[in-house]
């Protein structure tokens, strides 16, 4: 929230592509004025899903989302790829389709995403395998397994050699409380990209807690 007032902190990370959940449309508009290519999706102008792309990259096409807040965009630049931006939320009237169920439904209904072109899927999934037992179908581990079958890997887990559910670096602090940290944000990238990761950084609580209950996760690929 209030992303336009905080955007310089994102700029300091020098992102080629940034997925920014829970931001206002006007915040993305300001970033576009600053020179980014960008798109915003949502029903509430004060809280939606933003995507920013820095030159020489650009957004050339947006496809119809298979589920709310899981948005496929074609990115062009030094090479072309499909970006699927994610912000999973509660789906009214359906626990099964809420949160990770929303992401699982989207990817399993969209096999075309994994044919031919590189595909990256990233954002706020609001999920972790520690909560698998709450779901009999379409839980976090099922999502990770399906993406693995499509030759996508979690950049964080590959770089740090950590297992799902055993992350040592939280990306979200519930109610801004340091002792209630969870890893719920992910960047899934093609296996050949994962072999060329040069750096993965997760923001520190002390640096970001005054700005958000999430911290950034940054992946550099050579």
Protein backbone atom coordinates (compact mmCIF):
# COMPACT_ATOMS: atom_id res chain seq x y z
CA UNK A 1 0.00 0.00 0.00
CA UNK A 2 1.08 3.62 -0.62
CA UNK A 3 3.59 2.21 -3.07
CA UNK A 4 4.10 5.49 -4.92
CA UNK A 5 5.65 6.93 -1.74
CA UNK A 6 7.98 3.94 -1.41
CA UNK A 7 8.87 3.27 -5.03
CA UNK A 8 12.43 4.57 -4.78
CA UNK A 9 13.26 1.59 -2.57
CA UNK A 10 12.19 -0.69 -5.43
CA UNK A 11 14.16 1.38 -7.93
CA UNK A 12 17.25 0.95 -5.75
CA UNK A 13 17.02 -2.80 -6.43
CA UNK A 14 17.36 -2.09 -10.20
CA UNK A 15 14.74 -4.63 -11.29
CA UNK A 16 14.25 -5.66 -14.91
CA UNK A 17 10.85 -7.06 -13.95
CA UNK A 18 8.94 -6.46 -10.72
CA UNK A 19 5.67 -7.97 -9.51
CA UNK A 20 4.03 -5.71 -6.92
CA UNK A 21 0.89 -7.09 -5.21
CA UNK A 22 -1.50 -4.98 -3.14
CA UNK A 23 -0.70 -1.67 -4.83
CA UNK A 24 -2.89 1.12 -6.17
CA UNK A 25 -3.35 1.78 -9.85
CA UNK A 26 -2.13 5.35 -9.45
CA UNK A 27 1.13 4.03 -7.99
CA UNK A 28 1.82 2.02 -11.13
CA UNK A 29 0.86 5.04 -13.23
CA UNK A 30 3.50 7.08 -11.41
CA UNK A 31 6.12 4.41 -12.10
CA UNK A 32 5.16 4.50 -15.79
CA UNK A 33 5.73 8.26 -15.72
CA UNK A 34 9.16 7.47 -14.26
CA UNK A 35 10.01 5.41 -17.35
CA UNK A 36 8.83 1.88 -16.61
CA UNK A 37 6.45 -0.10 -18.77
CA UNK A 38 3.68 -1.29 -16.50
CA UNK A 39 0.25 -2.83 -16.10
CA UNK A 40 -2.20 -2.91 -13.23
CA UNK A 41 -5.06 -5.33 -12.61
CA UNK A 42 -7.85 -5.12 -10.07
CA UNK A 43 -11.37 -4.17 -9.07
CA UNK A 44 -10.42 -1.80 -6.26
CA UNK A 45 -8.27 1.06 -7.61
CA UNK A 46 -6.48 1.25 -4.27
CA UNK A 47 -5.44 -2.41 -4.06
CA UNK A 48 -4.56 -4.62 -7.02
CA UNK A 49 -1.71 -6.36 -8.81
CA UNK A 50 1.00 -4.32 -10.49
CA UNK A 51 3.74 -5.35 -12.92
CA UNK A 52 6.67 -3.12 -13.84
CA UNK A 53 9.21 -3.75 -16.61
CA UNK A 54 12.37 -1.71 -17.19
CA UNK A 55 13.92 -0.91 -20.57
CA UNK A 56 15.00 -2.56 -22.82
CA UNK A 57 12.25 -4.97 -21.77
CA UNK A 58 8.58 -4.23 -22.49
CA UNK A 59 5.14 -5.76 -22.07
CA UNK A 60 3.83 -6.59 -25.53
CA UNK A 61 0.67 -8.55 -24.78
CA UNK A 62 -1.57 -9.53 -21.89
CA UNK A 63 -3.62 -12.72 -22.04
CA UNK A 64 -6.95 -13.36 -20.37
CA UNK A 65 -6.29 -14.52 -16.78
CA UNK A 66 -7.55 -18.06 -16.13
CA UNK A 67 -8.33 -17.08 -12.54
CA UNK A 68 -8.41 -13.76 -10.74
CA UNK A 69 -4.98 -12.34 -9.85
CA UNK A 70 -2.99 -14.89 -11.87
CA UNK A 71 -2.11 -12.86 -14.96
CA UNK A 72 -0.04 -13.98 -17.99
CA UNK A 73 1.93 -11.25 -19.79
CA UNK A 74 4.29 -11.56 -22.74
CA UNK A 75 7.60 -9.80 -22.14
CA UNK A 76 9.88 -8.79 -25.04
CA UNK A 77 13.48 -7.66 -24.88
CA UNK A 78 16.90 -9.26 -25.27
CA UNK A 79 14.81 -12.44 -25.41
CA UNK A 80 11.08 -13.07 -25.08
CA UNK A 81 9.32 -14.92 -22.29
CA UNK A 82 5.97 -15.36 -20.59
CA UNK A 83 5.59 -13.83 -17.15
CA UNK A 84 2.75 -15.08 -14.96
CA UNK A 85 2.22 -12.57 -12.15
CA UNK A 86 0.57 -13.94 -9.01
CA UNK A 87 -1.26 -12.54 -6.04
CA UNK A 88 -3.50 -15.21 -4.58
CA UNK A 89 -6.38 -14.15 -2.35
CA UNK A 90 -9.54 -15.50 -0.79
CA UNK A 91 -12.15 -16.49 -3.36
CA UNK A 92 -15.59 -15.78 -1.94
CA UNK A 93 -17.62 -18.94 -1.39
CA UNK A 94 -14.81 -21.41 -2.11
CA UNK A 95 -12.03 -22.50 0.23
CA UNK A 96 -10.78 -24.94 -2.42
CA UNK A 97 -10.25 -22.18 -4.99
CA UNK A 98 -8.82 -19.64 -2.52
CA UNK A 99 -5.15 -18.81 -2.09
CA UNK A 100 -2.92 -21.66 -3.31
CA UNK A 101 -5.96 -23.39 -4.79
CA UNK A 102 -6.33 -20.37 -7.05
CA UNK A 103 -2.74 -20.70 -8.31
CA UNK A 104 -3.03 -24.48 -8.70
CA UNK A 105 -6.21 -24.13 -10.74
CA UNK A 106 -4.62 -21.49 -12.97
CA UNK A 107 -1.47 -23.42 -13.86
CA UNK A 108 -3.16 -26.78 -14.33
CA UNK A 109 -5.73 -25.20 -16.65
CA UNK A 110 -3.04 -23.47 -18.71
CA UNK A 111 -0.75 -26.13 -20.16
CA UNK A 112 -0.03 -23.78 -23.10
CA UNK A 113 2.06 -21.66 -20.75
CA UNK A 114 4.69 -24.38 -20.71
CA UNK A 115 5.02 -25.04 -24.43
CA UNK A 116 7.94 -23.64 -26.34
CA UNK A 117 8.72 -20.30 -24.71
CA UNK A 118 10.42 -19.73 -21.34
CA UNK A 119 7.91 -19.07 -18.56
CA UNK A 120 8.45 -17.44 -15.17
CA UNK A 121 5.78 -17.47 -12.47
CA UNK A 122 6.23 -15.15 -9.52
CA UNK A 123 4.54 -13.13 -6.84
CA UNK A 124 2.69 -13.52 -3.56
CA UNK A 125 1.30 -17.06 -3.40
CA UNK A 126 0.17 -16.80 0.24
CA UNK A 127 1.11 -20.45 0.64
CA UNK A 128 3.68 -22.84 2.03
CA UNK A 129 3.87 -26.62 2.34
CA UNK A 130 3.62 -26.32 6.14
CA UNK A 131 -0.11 -25.78 5.56
CA UNK A 132 -0.59 -28.73 3.17
CA UNK A 133 -2.69 -30.71 5.64
CA UNK A 134 -5.45 -28.12 5.40
CA UNK A 135 -6.06 -29.14 1.78
CA UNK A 136 -6.61 -32.58 0.30
CA UNK A 137 -6.24 -31.36 -3.27
CA UNK A 138 -4.29 -28.57 -4.93
CA UNK A 139 -2.12 -27.73 -1.93
CA UNK A 140 1.29 -26.06 -2.03
CA UNK A 141 3.27 -29.25 -2.52
CA UNK A 142 0.96 -30.26 -5.37
CA UNK A 143 1.58 -26.90 -7.02
CA UNK A 144 5.35 -27.21 -6.68
CA UNK A 145 5.21 -30.78 -8.01
CA UNK A 146 3.19 -29.73 -11.05
CA UNK A 147 5.52 -26.85 -11.84
CA UNK A 148 8.47 -29.20 -11.47
CA UNK A 149 6.89 -31.49 -14.05
CA UNK A 150 6.78 -28.45 -16.34
CA UNK A 151 10.54 -27.97 -15.75
CA UNK A 152 10.14 -24.93 -13.48
CA UNK A 153 12.08 -24.57 -10.23
CA UNK A 154 11.80 -22.23 -7.28
CA UNK A 155 14.82 -19.94 -7.58
CA UNK A 156 15.09 -19.47 -3.81
CA UNK A 157 15.06 -23.17 -3.01
CA UNK A 158 17.48 -24.04 -5.78
CA UNK A 159 19.98 -21.32 -4.81
CA UNK A 160 19.94 -21.94 -1.06
CA UNK A 161 19.48 -25.75 -1.29
CA UNK A 162 16.52 -25.62 1.07
CA UNK A 163 13.42 -27.81 0.98
CA UNK A 164 9.89 -26.50 0.67
CA UNK A 165 8.52 -25.81 4.13
CA UNK A 166 11.99 -25.51 5.68
CA UNK A 167 12.86 -22.00 4.52
CA UNK A 168 15.23 -20.05 6.78
CA UNK A 169 14.44 -16.63 5.29
CA UNK A 170 10.83 -15.38 5.65
CA UNK A 171 9.28 -13.17 2.99
CA UNK A 172 6.25 -12.12 5.08
CA UNK A 173 5.86 -11.06 8.69
CA UNK A 174 2.32 -11.46 9.95
CA UNK A 175 1.06 -8.17 11.38
CA UNK A 176 4.67 -6.90 11.02
CA UNK A 177 5.78 -9.17 13.87
CA UNK A 178 9.35 -10.45 13.47
CA UNK A 179 8.62 -13.64 15.41
CA UNK A 180 5.79 -14.53 12.99
CA UNK A 181 7.71 -14.80 9.74
CA UNK A 182 6.66 -17.08 6.87
CA UNK A 183 7.98 -17.78 3.40
CA UNK A 184 5.03 -17.24 1.02
CA UNK A 185 6.48 -15.39 -1.99
CA UNK A 186 8.09 -17.34 -4.83
CA UNK A 187 9.84 -16.97 -8.16
CA UNK A 188 9.56 -20.08 -10.32
CA UNK A 189 11.85 -20.06 -13.35
CA UNK A 190 12.81 -22.51 -16.12
CA UNK A 191 15.36 -25.14 -15.19
CA UNK A 192 17.93 -23.74 -17.63
CA UNK A 193 17.59 -20.31 -15.98
CA UNK A 194 17.98 -21.94 -12.56
CA UNK A 195 21.38 -23.25 -13.63
CA UNK A 196 22.46 -19.64 -14.27
CA UNK A 197 21.32 -17.97 -11.05
CA UNK A 198 24.02 -15.60 -9.82
CA UNK A 199 22.25 -14.23 -6.78
CA UNK A 200 19.10 -14.58 -4.69
CA UNK A 201 18.41 -12.05 -1.96
CA UNK A 202 15.56 -11.84 0.54
CA UNK A 203 15.05 -8.48 2.21
CA UNK A 204 15.75 -8.18 5.91
CA UNK A 205 13.02 -7.42 8.40
CA UNK A 206 14.89 -4.46 9.88
CA UNK A 207 15.19 -2.79 6.47
CA UNK A 208 11.62 -3.26 5.26
CA UNK A 209 9.23 -3.66 8.20
CA UNK A 210 8.41 0.05 8.30
CA UNK A 211 7.30 -0.14 4.64
CA UNK A 212 5.47 -3.45 4.34
CA UNK A 213 4.67 -6.75 6.01
CA UNK A 214 6.44 -8.39 3.04
CA UNK A 215 10.10 -8.11 2.05
CA UNK A 216 11.35 -8.34 -1.53
CA UNK A 217 12.80 -11.50 -2.99
CA UNK A 218 15.26 -10.70 -5.78
CA UNK A 219 16.69 -13.16 -8.30
CA UNK A 220 19.52 -12.41 -10.72
CA UNK A 221 20.05 -14.77 -13.67
CA UNK A 222 23.08 -14.52 -15.93
